[in-house]
Protein backbone atom coordinates (compact mmCIF):
# COMPACT_ATOMS: atom_id res chain seq x y z
CA UNK A 1 0.00 0.00 0.00
CA UNK A 2 1.31 3.46 -0.85
CA UNK A 3 2.12 5.72 2.09
CA UNK A 4 2.30 9.51 2.23
CA UNK A 5 6.10 9.24 2.15
CA UNK A 6 5.98 7.08 -1.02
CA UNK A 7 4.17 9.84 -2.86
CA UNK A 8 6.60 12.62 -1.87
CA UNK A 9 9.33 13.99 -4.08
CA UNK A 10 12.50 13.30 -2.07
CA UNK A 11 13.97 16.77 -2.50
CA UNK A 12 11.56 19.55 -1.54
CA UNK A 13 12.21 23.12 -2.62
CA UNK A 14 10.94 24.99 0.44
CA UNK A 15 10.65 24.66 4.21
CA UNK A 16 8.16 26.71 6.24
CA UNK A 17 8.91 26.85 9.96
CA UNK A 18 6.74 27.73 12.89
CA UNK A 19 8.46 30.07 15.40
CA UNK A 20 7.42 29.41 19.00
CA UNK A 21 8.22 25.90 20.14
CA UNK A 22 10.02 25.19 16.88
CA UNK A 23 12.81 27.71 16.35
CA UNK A 24 12.70 28.94 19.93
CA UNK A 25 12.29 26.89 23.08
CA UNK A 26 8.66 27.34 24.07
CA UNK A 27 8.92 26.89 27.82
CA UNK A 28 12.13 28.89 28.27
CA UNK A 29 10.79 31.79 26.21
CA UNK A 30 7.04 31.96 26.71
CA UNK A 31 6.29 30.67 30.19
CA UNK A 32 8.09 33.69 31.74
CA UNK A 33 6.06 36.02 29.50
CA UNK A 34 2.76 34.34 30.41
CA UNK A 35 3.63 34.54 34.07
CA UNK A 36 4.61 38.18 33.65
CA UNK A 37 1.20 39.04 32.20
CA UNK A 38 -0.64 37.11 34.88
CA UNK A 39 1.41 38.75 37.64
CA UNK A 40 0.64 42.25 36.32
CA UNK A 41 -3.05 41.45 35.95
CA UNK A 42 -3.09 40.12 39.51
CA UNK A 43 -1.46 43.32 40.80
CA UNK A 44 -4.02 45.49 39.00
CA UNK A 45 -6.78 43.38 40.51
CA UNK A 46 -5.37 43.63 44.01
CA UNK A 47 -4.31 40.00 44.21
CA UNK A 48 -1.08 38.15 44.74
CA UNK A 49 0.55 34.93 43.66
CA UNK A 50 -2.59 32.87 44.20
CA UNK A 51 -4.54 35.05 41.76
CA UNK A 52 -1.64 34.97 39.28
CA UNK A 53 -1.73 31.18 39.33
CA UNK A 54 -5.52 31.13 38.99
CA UNK A 55 -5.38 33.41 35.94
CA UNK A 56 -2.84 31.11 34.31
CA UNK A 57 -4.99 28.11 35.14
CA UNK A 58 -7.94 29.79 33.44
CA UNK A 59 -5.95 29.60 30.19
CA UNK A 60 -4.78 26.06 30.74
CA UNK A 61 -1.39 26.37 32.43
CA UNK A 62 -0.87 24.77 35.84
CA UNK A 63 2.03 26.43 37.63
CA UNK A 64 2.75 23.78 40.31
CA UNK A 65 3.08 20.98 37.76
CA UNK A 66 4.41 23.19 34.93
CA UNK A 67 1.96 21.57 32.52
CA UNK A 68 -0.40 22.85 29.85
CA UNK A 69 -3.88 21.54 29.14
CA UNK A 70 -4.10 20.02 25.68
CA UNK A 71 -6.56 22.70 24.56
CA UNK A 72 -4.71 25.64 26.17
CA UNK A 73 -4.79 28.72 23.90
CA UNK A 74 -1.35 29.57 25.25
CA UNK A 75 0.06 26.77 23.08
CA UNK A 76 -0.98 28.16 19.72
CA UNK A 77 -3.43 31.10 19.74
CA UNK A 78 -2.77 34.65 18.54
CA UNK A 79 -1.82 37.40 20.96
CA UNK A 80 -5.25 39.01 20.51
CA UNK A 81 -7.02 35.73 21.20
CA UNK A 82 -4.98 35.13 24.35
CA UNK A 83 -5.77 38.64 25.56
CA UNK A 84 -9.47 38.10 24.82
CA UNK A 85 -9.46 34.87 26.83
CA UNK A 86 -7.94 36.62 29.83
CA UNK A 87 -10.27 39.60 29.48
CA UNK A 88 -13.25 37.23 29.59
CA UNK A 89 -12.22 35.47 32.81
CA UNK A 90 -14.43 36.14 35.85
CA UNK A 91 -11.59 37.63 37.88
CA UNK A 92 -10.68 40.39 35.41
CA UNK A 93 -12.44 43.69 36.04
CA UNK A 94 -14.12 45.59 33.23
CA UNK A 95 -12.07 48.58 32.10
CA UNK A 96 -8.71 46.87 32.49
CA UNK A 97 -6.86 47.08 29.16
CA UNK A 98 -5.81 43.46 28.97
CA UNK A 99 -4.82 43.72 25.30
CA UNK A 100 -2.32 46.49 26.05
CA UNK A 101 -0.79 44.50 28.90
CA UNK A 102 -0.52 41.34 26.81
CA UNK A 103 1.00 43.10 23.80
CA UNK A 104 3.49 44.98 25.97
CA UNK A 105 4.77 41.81 27.60
CA UNK A 106 4.72 39.65 24.47
CA UNK A 107 6.68 42.19 22.42
CA UNK A 108 9.31 42.82 25.12
CA UNK A 109 12.27 40.84 23.80
CA UNK A 110 14.61 42.40 26.35
CA UNK A 111 12.63 41.17 29.33
CA UNK A 112 11.77 37.85 27.68
CA UNK A 113 14.65 37.07 25.30
CA UNK A 114 13.89 34.31 22.79
CA UNK A 115 15.85 31.14 23.53
CA UNK A 116 16.88 29.48 20.25
CA UNK A 117 16.77 25.75 19.73
CA UNK A 118 20.44 25.13 19.05
CA UNK A 119 22.64 26.96 16.57
CA UNK A 120 20.03 28.36 14.18
CA UNK A 121 22.38 30.51 12.02
CA UNK A 122 24.48 27.46 11.18
CA UNK A 123 21.43 25.30 10.53
CA UNK A 124 19.85 27.88 8.24
CA UNK A 125 23.13 28.39 6.39
CA UNK A 126 23.27 24.67 5.69
CA UNK A 127 19.65 24.58 4.54
CA UNK A 128 20.19 27.50 2.20
CA UNK A 129 23.29 25.74 0.95
CA UNK A 130 20.99 22.97 -0.20
CA UNK A 131 19.13 25.49 -2.34
CA UNK A 132 16.05 25.49 -0.13
CA UNK A 133 13.68 28.44 0.11
CA UNK A 134 13.05 29.16 3.79
CA UNK A 135 10.07 30.80 5.43
CA UNK A 136 8.46 31.25 8.82
CA UNK A 137 4.76 31.34 9.72
CA UNK A 138 3.76 32.32 13.24
CA UNK A 139 0.66 33.17 15.22
CA UNK A 140 2.67 36.01 16.76
CA UNK A 141 2.58 39.49 15.19
CA UNK A 142 4.74 39.94 12.10
CA UNK A 143 6.79 42.84 13.49
CA UNK A 144 7.63 40.90 16.65
CA UNK A 145 8.53 37.90 14.50
CA UNK A 146 11.02 39.96 12.50
CA UNK A 147 12.50 41.41 15.68
CA UNK A 148 12.85 37.92 17.12
CA UNK A 149 14.56 36.62 13.97
CA UNK A 150 16.97 39.55 14.07
CA UNK A 151 17.94 38.74 17.65
CA UNK A 152 18.44 35.11 16.66
CA UNK A 153 20.70 36.12 13.77
CA UNK A 154 18.61 34.51 11.04
CA UNK A 155 16.44 37.33 9.68
CA UNK A 156 18.54 37.59 6.52
CA UNK A 157 18.35 33.84 5.93
CA UNK A 158 14.59 33.69 5.56
CA UNK A 159 12.90 34.43 2.27
CA UNK A 160 9.43 34.95 3.74
CA UNK A 161 7.98 35.78 7.17
CA UNK A 162 4.27 35.95 7.97
CA UNK A 163 2.39 36.57 11.21
CA UNK A 164 -1.24 36.19 12.14
CA UNK A 165 -1.79 39.91 11.56
CA UNK A 166 -0.57 39.87 7.93
CA UNK A 167 -3.94 39.14 6.34
CA UNK A 168 -3.33 35.52 5.28
CA UNK A 169 -5.51 33.91 7.91
CA UNK A 170 -4.57 31.91 10.97
CA UNK A 171 -3.46 28.37 11.61
CA UNK A 172 -4.73 25.71 11.04
CA UNK A 173 -6.02 27.30 7.84
CA UNK A 174 -3.82 26.98 4.74
CA UNK A 175 -3.42 30.71 4.05
CA UNK A 176 0.09 31.18 5.42
CA UNK A 177 1.43 28.27 3.38
CA UNK A 178 -0.27 29.54 0.24
CA UNK A 179 1.15 33.04 0.82
CA UNK A 180 4.65 31.54 1.20
CA UNK A 181 4.21 29.65 -2.05
CA UNK A 182 2.86 32.67 -3.93
CA UNK A 183 5.68 34.91 -2.72
CA UNK A 184 8.46 32.44 -3.46
CA UNK A 185 7.27 30.69 -6.62
CA UNK A 186 6.55 27.34 -4.99
CA UNK A 187 3.78 24.78 -5.07
CA UNK A 188 2.46 23.41 -1.75
CA UNK A 189 3.57 19.90 -2.81
CA UNK A 190 7.14 21.23 -2.85
CA UNK A 191 6.98 22.52 0.74
CA UNK A 192 7.72 20.92 4.11
CA UNK A 193 6.12 22.45 7.20
CA UNK A 194 7.87 22.13 10.56
CA UNK A 195 5.97 22.89 13.77
CA UNK A 196 5.20 21.81 17.31
CA UNK A 197 1.40 21.94 17.47
CA UNK A 198 -1.57 20.30 15.76
CA UNK A 199 -2.37 23.70 14.24
CA UNK A 200 0.95 23.71 12.36
CA UNK A 201 0.50 20.17 11.08
CA UNK A 202 -3.13 20.66 10.08
CA UNK A 203 -2.12 23.81 8.20
CA UNK A 204 0.32 21.69 6.20
CA UNK A 205 -2.31 19.03 5.49
CA UNK A 206 -4.97 21.51 4.43
CA UNK A 207 -2.55 23.30 2.11
CA UNK A 208 -1.47 20.03 0.47
CA UNK A 209 2.16 20.22 1.57
CA UNK A 210 4.70 17.49 0.90
CA UNK A 211 5.32 16.72 4.55
CA UNK A 212 4.28 17.82 8.02
CA UNK A 213 7.09 17.44 10.54
CA UNK A 214 6.57 17.76 14.29
CA UNK A 215 9.26 18.78 16.76
CA UNK A 216 9.24 18.16 20.50
CA UNK A 217 10.54 21.55 21.70
CA UNK A 218 7.06 22.87 22.36
CA UNK A 219 4.64 21.92 25.13
CA UNK A 220 2.12 19.88 23.12
CA UNK A 221 1.79 16.25 24.26
CA UNK A 222 3.30 13.75 21.83
CA UNK A 223 0.04 11.96 21.13
CA UNK A 224 -1.53 15.19 19.86
CA UNK A 225 1.01 15.52 17.04
CA UNK A 226 2.14 11.96 16.32
CA UNK A 227 -0.85 10.98 14.17
CA UNK A 228 -0.72 14.22 12.17
CA UNK A 229 3.00 14.18 11.40
CA UNK A 230 5.02 12.33 8.80
CA UNK A 231 8.01 12.54 11.14
CA UNK A 232 8.44 13.49 14.80
CA UNK A 233 11.88 14.90 15.62
CA UNK A 234 13.49 15.84 18.95
CA UNK A 235 14.14 19.34 17.61
CA UNK A 236 14.51 21.40 14.47
CA UNK A 237 18.21 20.64 14.55
CA UNK A 238 17.41 17.15 13.22
CA UNK A 239 15.55 18.44 10.15
CA UNK A 240 18.36 17.44 7.80
CA UNK A 241 17.85 13.79 8.67
CA UNK A 242 14.52 13.77 6.81
CA UNK A 243 15.65 15.83 3.82
CA UNK A 244 17.95 13.21 2.28
C-alpha atoms as a PDB file:
ATOM      1  CA  UNK A   1       0.000   0.000   0.000  1.00  0.00           C
ATOM      2  CA  UNK A   2       1.305   3.458  -0.848  1.00  0.00           C
ATOM      3  CA  UNK A   3       2.115   5.722   2.089  1.00  0.00           C
ATOM      4  CA  UNK A   4       2.301   9.508   2.226  1.00  0.00           C
ATOM      5  CA  UNK A   5       6.105   9.245   2.149  1.00  0.00           C
ATOM      6  CA  UNK A   6       5.984   7.077  -1.019  1.00  0.00           C
ATOM      7  CA  UNK A   7       4.170   9.845  -2.862  1.00  0.00           C
ATOM      8  CA  UNK A   8       6.596  12.619  -1.871  1.00  0.00           C
ATOM      9  CA  UNK A   9       9.328  13.993  -4.085  1.00  0.00           C
ATOM     10  CA  UNK A  10      12.504  13.303  -2.070  1.00  0.00           C
ATOM     11  CA  UNK A  11      13.973  16.769  -2.496  1.00  0.00           C
ATOM     12  CA  UNK A  12      11.558  19.553  -1.536  1.00  0.00           C
ATOM     13  CA  UNK A  13      12.205  23.121  -2.621  1.00  0.00           C
ATOM     14  CA  UNK A  14      10.936  24.989   0.439  1.00  0.00           C
ATOM     15  CA  UNK A  15      10.647  24.664   4.214  1.00  0.00           C
ATOM     16  CA  UNK A  16       8.160  26.712   6.237  1.00  0.00           C
ATOM     17  CA  UNK A  17       8.913  26.846   9.957  1.00  0.00           C
ATOM     18  CA  UNK A  18       6.741  27.730  12.893  1.00  0.00           C
ATOM     19  CA  UNK A  19       8.458  30.068  15.397  1.00  0.00           C
ATOM     20  CA  UNK A  20       7.421  29.406  18.997  1.00  0.00           C
ATOM     21  CA  UNK A  21       8.218  25.902  20.144  1.00  0.00           C
ATOM     22  CA  UNK A  22      10.021  25.186  16.878  1.00  0.00           C
ATOM     23  CA  UNK A  23      12.811  27.710  16.352  1.00  0.00           C
ATOM     24  CA  UNK A  24      12.696  28.942  19.932  1.00  0.00           C
ATOM     25  CA  UNK A  25      12.291  26.885  23.083  1.00  0.00           C
ATOM     26  CA  UNK A  26       8.660  27.343  24.073  1.00  0.00           C
ATOM     27  CA  UNK A  27       8.915  26.894  27.825  1.00  0.00           C
ATOM     28  CA  UNK A  28      12.125  28.889  28.274  1.00  0.00           C
ATOM     29  CA  UNK A  29      10.788  31.790  26.208  1.00  0.00           C
ATOM     30  CA  UNK A  30       7.036  31.958  26.714  1.00  0.00           C
ATOM     31  CA  UNK A  31       6.286  30.669  30.191  1.00  0.00           C
ATOM     32  CA  UNK A  32       8.086  33.687  31.742  1.00  0.00           C
ATOM     33  CA  UNK A  33       6.058  36.019  29.499  1.00  0.00           C
ATOM     34  CA  UNK A  34       2.764  34.338  30.405  1.00  0.00           C
ATOM     35  CA  UNK A  35       3.634  34.541  34.068  1.00  0.00           C
ATOM     36  CA  UNK A  36       4.609  38.182  33.648  1.00  0.00           C
ATOM     37  CA  UNK A  37       1.204  39.042  32.199  1.00  0.00           C
ATOM     38  CA  UNK A  38      -0.640  37.108  34.883  1.00  0.00           C
ATOM     39  CA  UNK A  39       1.406  38.753  37.642  1.00  0.00           C
ATOM     40  CA  UNK A  40       0.644  42.246  36.318  1.00  0.00           C
ATOM     41  CA  UNK A  41      -3.047  41.452  35.951  1.00  0.00           C
ATOM     42  CA  UNK A  42      -3.091  40.118  39.507  1.00  0.00           C
ATOM     43  CA  UNK A  43      -1.462  43.324  40.797  1.00  0.00           C
ATOM     44  CA  UNK A  44      -4.017  45.493  38.999  1.00  0.00           C
ATOM     45  CA  UNK A  45      -6.778  43.378  40.507  1.00  0.00           C
ATOM     46  CA  UNK A  46      -5.374  43.626  44.010  1.00  0.00           C
ATOM     47  CA  UNK A  47      -4.309  40.003  44.209  1.00  0.00           C
ATOM     48  CA  UNK A  48      -1.079  38.154  44.737  1.00  0.00           C
ATOM     49  CA  UNK A  49       0.550  34.927  43.655  1.00  0.00           C
ATOM     50  CA  UNK A  50      -2.591  32.872  44.200  1.00  0.00           C
ATOM     51  CA  UNK A  51      -4.535  35.047  41.760  1.00  0.00           C
ATOM     52  CA  UNK A  52      -1.645  34.969  39.283  1.00  0.00           C
ATOM     53  CA  UNK A  53      -1.730  31.179  39.327  1.00  0.00           C
ATOM     54  CA  UNK A  54      -5.516  31.131  38.987  1.00  0.00           C
ATOM     55  CA  UNK A  55      -5.382  33.414  35.945  1.00  0.00           C
ATOM     56  CA  UNK A  56      -2.841  31.112  34.312  1.00  0.00           C
ATOM     57  CA  UNK A  57      -4.991  28.106  35.140  1.00  0.00           C
ATOM     58  CA  UNK A  58      -7.943  29.790  33.438  1.00  0.00           C
ATOM     59  CA  UNK A  59      -5.947  29.605  30.195  1.00  0.00           C
ATOM     60  CA  UNK A  60      -4.779  26.058  30.735  1.00  0.00           C
ATOM     61  CA  UNK A  61      -1.389  26.371  32.432  1.00  0.00           C
ATOM     62  CA  UNK A  62      -0.875  24.771  35.841  1.00  0.00           C
ATOM     63  CA  UNK A  63       2.033  26.428  37.625  1.00  0.00           C
ATOM     64  CA  UNK A  64       2.747  23.783  40.314  1.00  0.00           C
ATOM     65  CA  UNK A  65       3.084  20.975  37.762  1.00  0.00           C
ATOM     66  CA  UNK A  66       4.411  23.186  34.927  1.00  0.00           C
ATOM     67  CA  UNK A  67       1.960  21.573  32.522  1.00  0.00           C
ATOM     68  CA  UNK A  68      -0.404  22.849  29.849  1.00  0.00           C
ATOM     69  CA  UNK A  69      -3.880  21.540  29.142  1.00  0.00           C
ATOM     70  CA  UNK A  70      -4.098  20.021  25.678  1.00  0.00           C
ATOM     71  CA  UNK A  71      -6.555  22.704  24.564  1.00  0.00           C
ATOM     72  CA  UNK A  72      -4.714  25.644  26.167  1.00  0.00           C
ATOM     73  CA  UNK A  73      -4.791  28.719  23.905  1.00  0.00           C
ATOM     74  CA  UNK A  74      -1.346  29.566  25.252  1.00  0.00           C
ATOM     75  CA  UNK A  75       0.056  26.773  23.084  1.00  0.00           C
ATOM     76  CA  UNK A  76      -0.978  28.164  19.723  1.00  0.00           C
ATOM     77  CA  UNK A  77      -3.433  31.099  19.738  1.00  0.00           C
ATOM     78  CA  UNK A  78      -2.766  34.645  18.536  1.00  0.00           C
ATOM     79  CA  UNK A  79      -1.823  37.401  20.960  1.00  0.00           C
ATOM     80  CA  UNK A  80      -5.245  39.013  20.510  1.00  0.00           C
ATOM     81  CA  UNK A  81      -7.016  35.728  21.196  1.00  0.00           C
ATOM     82  CA  UNK A  82      -4.984  35.125  24.351  1.00  0.00           C
ATOM     83  CA  UNK A  83      -5.774  38.644  25.558  1.00  0.00           C
ATOM     84  CA  UNK A  84      -9.467  38.101  24.819  1.00  0.00           C
ATOM     85  CA  UNK A  85      -9.457  34.871  26.828  1.00  0.00           C
ATOM     86  CA  UNK A  86      -7.938  36.624  29.833  1.00  0.00           C
ATOM     87  CA  UNK A  87     -10.271  39.601  29.476  1.00  0.00           C
ATOM     88  CA  UNK A  88     -13.247  37.228  29.595  1.00  0.00           C
ATOM     89  CA  UNK A  89     -12.219  35.470  32.810  1.00  0.00           C
ATOM     90  CA  UNK A  90     -14.433  36.141  35.847  1.00  0.00           C
ATOM     91  CA  UNK A  91     -11.591  37.632  37.879  1.00  0.00           C
ATOM     92  CA  UNK A  92     -10.679  40.391  35.415  1.00  0.00           C
ATOM     93  CA  UNK A  93     -12.439  43.687  36.038  1.00  0.00           C
ATOM     94  CA  UNK A  94     -14.117  45.588  33.234  1.00  0.00           C
ATOM     95  CA  UNK A  95     -12.071  48.576  32.095  1.00  0.00           C
ATOM     96  CA  UNK A  96      -8.709  46.872  32.489  1.00  0.00           C
ATOM     97  CA  UNK A  97      -6.855  47.081  29.164  1.00  0.00           C
ATOM     98  CA  UNK A  98      -5.811  43.461  28.969  1.00  0.00           C
ATOM     99  CA  UNK A  99      -4.825  43.715  25.302  1.00  0.00           C
ATOM    100  CA  UNK A 100      -2.320  46.486  26.055  1.00  0.00           C
ATOM    101  CA  UNK A 101      -0.790  44.497  28.900  1.00  0.00           C
ATOM    102  CA  UNK A 102      -0.521  41.341  26.809  1.00  0.00           C
ATOM    103  CA  UNK A 103       0.997  43.101  23.799  1.00  0.00           C
ATOM    104  CA  UNK A 104       3.485  44.980  25.965  1.00  0.00           C
ATOM    105  CA  UNK A 105       4.767  41.813  27.596  1.00  0.00           C
ATOM    106  CA  UNK A 106       4.719  39.651  24.475  1.00  0.00           C
ATOM    107  CA  UNK A 107       6.678  42.190  22.423  1.00  0.00           C
ATOM    108  CA  UNK A 108       9.310  42.823  25.116  1.00  0.00           C
ATOM    109  CA  UNK A 109      12.273  40.844  23.801  1.00  0.00           C
ATOM    110  CA  UNK A 110      14.606  42.398  26.349  1.00  0.00           C
ATOM    111  CA  UNK A 111      12.626  41.169  29.328  1.00  0.00           C
ATOM    112  CA  UNK A 112      11.775  37.854  27.676  1.00  0.00           C
ATOM    113  CA  UNK A 113      14.648  37.074  25.297  1.00  0.00           C
ATOM    114  CA  UNK A 114      13.894  34.306  22.789  1.00  0.00           C
ATOM    115  CA  UNK A 115      15.845  31.137  23.528  1.00  0.00           C
ATOM    116  CA  UNK A 116      16.883  29.485  20.253  1.00  0.00           C
ATOM    117  CA  UNK A 117      16.770  25.753  19.728  1.00  0.00           C
ATOM    118  CA  UNK A 118      20.443  25.130  19.054  1.00  0.00           C
ATOM    119  CA  UNK A 119      22.641  26.964  16.566  1.00  0.00           C
ATOM    120  CA  UNK A 120      20.025  28.358  14.184  1.00  0.00           C
ATOM    121  CA  UNK A 121      22.380  30.508  12.025  1.00  0.00           C
ATOM    122  CA  UNK A 122      24.481  27.461  11.181  1.00  0.00           C
ATOM    123  CA  UNK A 123      21.433  25.297  10.532  1.00  0.00           C
ATOM    124  CA  UNK A 124      19.853  27.878   8.241  1.00  0.00           C
ATOM    125  CA  UNK A 125      23.130  28.392   6.394  1.00  0.00           C
ATOM    126  CA  UNK A 126      23.274  24.668   5.685  1.00  0.00           C
ATOM    127  CA  UNK A 127      19.654  24.581   4.544  1.00  0.00           C
ATOM    128  CA  UNK A 128      20.192  27.501   2.199  1.00  0.00           C
ATOM    129  CA  UNK A 129      23.295  25.741   0.950  1.00  0.00           C
ATOM    130  CA  UNK A 130      20.991  22.969  -0.196  1.00  0.00           C
ATOM    131  CA  UNK A 131      19.135  25.486  -2.336  1.00  0.00           C
ATOM    132  CA  UNK A 132      16.049  25.488  -0.130  1.00  0.00           C
ATOM    133  CA  UNK A 133      13.681  28.437   0.107  1.00  0.00           C
ATOM    134  CA  UNK A 134      13.054  29.156   3.792  1.00  0.00           C
ATOM    135  CA  UNK A 135      10.069  30.796   5.429  1.00  0.00           C
ATOM    136  CA  UNK A 136       8.455  31.247   8.821  1.00  0.00           C
ATOM    137  CA  UNK A 137       4.760  31.343   9.719  1.00  0.00           C
ATOM    138  CA  UNK A 138       3.758  32.324  13.244  1.00  0.00           C
ATOM    139  CA  UNK A 139       0.661  33.169  15.224  1.00  0.00           C
ATOM    140  CA  UNK A 140       2.670  36.009  16.759  1.00  0.00           C
ATOM    141  CA  UNK A 141       2.577  39.489  15.194  1.00  0.00           C
ATOM    142  CA  UNK A 142       4.740  39.942  12.100  1.00  0.00           C
ATOM    143  CA  UNK A 143       6.788  42.842  13.494  1.00  0.00           C
ATOM    144  CA  UNK A 144       7.628  40.904  16.651  1.00  0.00           C
ATOM    145  CA  UNK A 145       8.531  37.897  14.503  1.00  0.00           C
ATOM    146  CA  UNK A 146      11.019  39.961  12.497  1.00  0.00           C
ATOM    147  CA  UNK A 147      12.499  41.414  15.678  1.00  0.00           C
ATOM    148  CA  UNK A 148      12.851  37.920  17.117  1.00  0.00           C
ATOM    149  CA  UNK A 149      14.563  36.619  13.974  1.00  0.00           C
ATOM    150  CA  UNK A 150      16.968  39.550  14.068  1.00  0.00           C
ATOM    151  CA  UNK A 151      17.937  38.735  17.651  1.00  0.00           C
ATOM    152  CA  UNK A 152      18.441  35.108  16.665  1.00  0.00           C
ATOM    153  CA  UNK A 153      20.703  36.121  13.774  1.00  0.00           C
ATOM    154  CA  UNK A 154      18.609  34.513  11.039  1.00  0.00           C
ATOM    155  CA  UNK A 155      16.436  37.330   9.675  1.00  0.00           C
ATOM    156  CA  UNK A 156      18.535  37.588   6.524  1.00  0.00           C
ATOM    157  CA  UNK A 157      18.345  33.842   5.926  1.00  0.00           C
ATOM    158  CA  UNK A 158      14.589  33.686   5.562  1.00  0.00           C
ATOM    159  CA  UNK A 159      12.900  34.435   2.270  1.00  0.00           C
ATOM    160  CA  UNK A 160       9.430  34.946   3.745  1.00  0.00           C
ATOM    161  CA  UNK A 161       7.980  35.782   7.170  1.00  0.00           C
ATOM    162  CA  UNK A 162       4.275  35.949   7.974  1.00  0.00           C
ATOM    163  CA  UNK A 163       2.395  36.571  11.210  1.00  0.00           C
ATOM    164  CA  UNK A 164      -1.241  36.190  12.137  1.00  0.00           C
ATOM    165  CA  UNK A 165      -1.794  39.915  11.564  1.00  0.00           C
ATOM    166  CA  UNK A 166      -0.570  39.869   7.935  1.00  0.00           C
ATOM    167  CA  UNK A 167      -3.945  39.138   6.342  1.00  0.00           C
ATOM    168  CA  UNK A 168      -3.331  35.521   5.282  1.00  0.00           C
ATOM    169  CA  UNK A 169      -5.510  33.912   7.912  1.00  0.00           C
ATOM    170  CA  UNK A 170      -4.569  31.913  10.971  1.00  0.00           C
ATOM    171  CA  UNK A 171      -3.460  28.368  11.605  1.00  0.00           C
ATOM    172  CA  UNK A 172      -4.732  25.709  11.043  1.00  0.00           C
ATOM    173  CA  UNK A 173      -6.023  27.299   7.844  1.00  0.00           C
ATOM    174  CA  UNK A 174      -3.818  26.980   4.738  1.00  0.00           C
ATOM    175  CA  UNK A 175      -3.421  30.712   4.052  1.00  0.00           C
ATOM    176  CA  UNK A 176       0.088  31.181   5.425  1.00  0.00           C
ATOM    177  CA  UNK A 177       1.428  28.269   3.380  1.00  0.00           C
ATOM    178  CA  UNK A 178      -0.268  29.539   0.243  1.00  0.00           C
ATOM    179  CA  UNK A 179       1.150  33.035   0.823  1.00  0.00           C
ATOM    180  CA  UNK A 180       4.646  31.543   1.199  1.00  0.00           C
ATOM    181  CA  UNK A 181       4.213  29.646  -2.053  1.00  0.00           C
ATOM    182  CA  UNK A 182       2.860  32.667  -3.926  1.00  0.00           C
ATOM    183  CA  UNK A 183       5.675  34.914  -2.718  1.00  0.00           C
ATOM    184  CA  UNK A 184       8.463  32.437  -3.461  1.00  0.00           C
ATOM    185  CA  UNK A 185       7.272  30.688  -6.619  1.00  0.00           C
ATOM    186  CA  UNK A 186       6.552  27.341  -4.988  1.00  0.00           C
ATOM    187  CA  UNK A 187       3.783  24.778  -5.068  1.00  0.00           C
ATOM    188  CA  UNK A 188       2.461  23.406  -1.751  1.00  0.00           C
ATOM    189  CA  UNK A 189       3.566  19.904  -2.808  1.00  0.00           C
ATOM    190  CA  UNK A 190       7.138  21.229  -2.854  1.00  0.00           C
ATOM    191  CA  UNK A 191       6.976  22.518   0.744  1.00  0.00           C
ATOM    192  CA  UNK A 192       7.723  20.923   4.109  1.00  0.00           C
ATOM    193  CA  UNK A 193       6.116  22.453   7.205  1.00  0.00           C
ATOM    194  CA  UNK A 194       7.867  22.129  10.563  1.00  0.00           C
ATOM    195  CA  UNK A 195       5.973  22.894  13.765  1.00  0.00           C
ATOM    196  CA  UNK A 196       5.197  21.806  17.306  1.00  0.00           C
ATOM    197  CA  UNK A 197       1.396  21.937  17.474  1.00  0.00           C
ATOM    198  CA  UNK A 198      -1.568  20.298  15.756  1.00  0.00           C
ATOM    199  CA  UNK A 199      -2.372  23.697  14.237  1.00  0.00           C
ATOM    200  CA  UNK A 200       0.953  23.706  12.362  1.00  0.00           C
ATOM    201  CA  UNK A 201       0.498  20.172  11.079  1.00  0.00           C
ATOM    202  CA  UNK A 202      -3.128  20.659  10.081  1.00  0.00           C
ATOM    203  CA  UNK A 203      -2.120  23.807   8.204  1.00  0.00           C
ATOM    204  CA  UNK A 204       0.317  21.687   6.203  1.00  0.00           C
ATOM    205  CA  UNK A 205      -2.311  19.032   5.489  1.00  0.00           C
ATOM    206  CA  UNK A 206      -4.973  21.506   4.433  1.00  0.00           C
ATOM    207  CA  UNK A 207      -2.553  23.298   2.113  1.00  0.00           C
ATOM    208  CA  UNK A 208      -1.475  20.033   0.467  1.00  0.00           C
ATOM    209  CA  UNK A 209       2.161  20.218   1.574  1.00  0.00           C
ATOM    210  CA  UNK A 210       4.695  17.488   0.901  1.00  0.00           C
ATOM    211  CA  UNK A 211       5.323  16.723   4.549  1.00  0.00           C
ATOM    212  CA  UNK A 212       4.279  17.819   8.016  1.00  0.00           C
ATOM    213  CA  UNK A 213       7.090  17.445  10.541  1.00  0.00           C
ATOM    214  CA  UNK A 214       6.568  17.756  14.294  1.00  0.00           C
ATOM    215  CA  UNK A 215       9.259  18.777  16.759  1.00  0.00           C
ATOM    216  CA  UNK A 216       9.241  18.155  20.501  1.00  0.00           C
ATOM    217  CA  UNK A 217      10.543  21.546  21.703  1.00  0.00           C
ATOM    218  CA  UNK A 218       7.063  22.872  22.358  1.00  0.00           C
ATOM    219  CA  UNK A 219       4.636  21.917  25.129  1.00  0.00           C
ATOM    220  CA  UNK A 220       2.120  19.882  23.122  1.00  0.00           C
ATOM    221  CA  UNK A 221       1.785  16.249  24.256  1.00  0.00           C
ATOM    222  CA  UNK A 222       3.301  13.752  21.831  1.00  0.00           C
ATOM    223  CA  UNK A 223       0.038  11.959  21.128  1.00  0.00           C
ATOM    224  CA  UNK A 224      -1.527  15.185  19.857  1.00  0.00           C
ATOM    225  CA  UNK A 225       1.011  15.519  17.040  1.00  0.00           C
ATOM    226  CA  UNK A 226       2.142  11.964  16.320  1.00  0.00           C
ATOM    227  CA  UNK A 227      -0.847  10.978  14.169  1.00  0.00           C
ATOM    228  CA  UNK A 228      -0.721  14.224  12.173  1.00  0.00           C
ATOM    229  CA  UNK A 229       2.996  14.179  11.400  1.00  0.00           C
ATOM    230  CA  UNK A 230       5.023  12.331   8.797  1.00  0.00           C
ATOM    231  CA  UNK A 231       8.011  12.542  11.143  1.00  0.00           C
ATOM    232  CA  UNK A 232       8.441  13.494  14.803  1.00  0.00           C
ATOM    233  CA  UNK A 233      11.884  14.902  15.619  1.00  0.00           C
ATOM    234  CA  UNK A 234      13.485  15.840  18.951  1.00  0.00           C
ATOM    235  CA  UNK A 235      14.137  19.337  17.609  1.00  0.00           C
ATOM    236  CA  UNK A 236      14.506  21.398  14.465  1.00  0.00           C
ATOM    237  CA  UNK A 237      18.211  20.637  14.555  1.00  0.00           C
ATOM    238  CA  UNK A 238      17.415  17.149  13.221  1.00  0.00           C
ATOM    239  CA  UNK A 239      15.546  18.441  10.153  1.00  0.00           C
ATOM    240  CA  UNK A 240      18.360  17.445   7.797  1.00  0.00           C
ATOM    241  CA  UNK A 241      17.854  13.790   8.670  1.00  0.00           C
ATOM    242  CA  UNK A 242      14.523  13.772   6.813  1.00  0.00           C
ATOM    243  CA  UNK A 243      15.654  15.826   3.821  1.00  0.00           C
ATOM    244  CA  UNK A 244      17.953  13.214   2.278  1.00  0.00           C
END
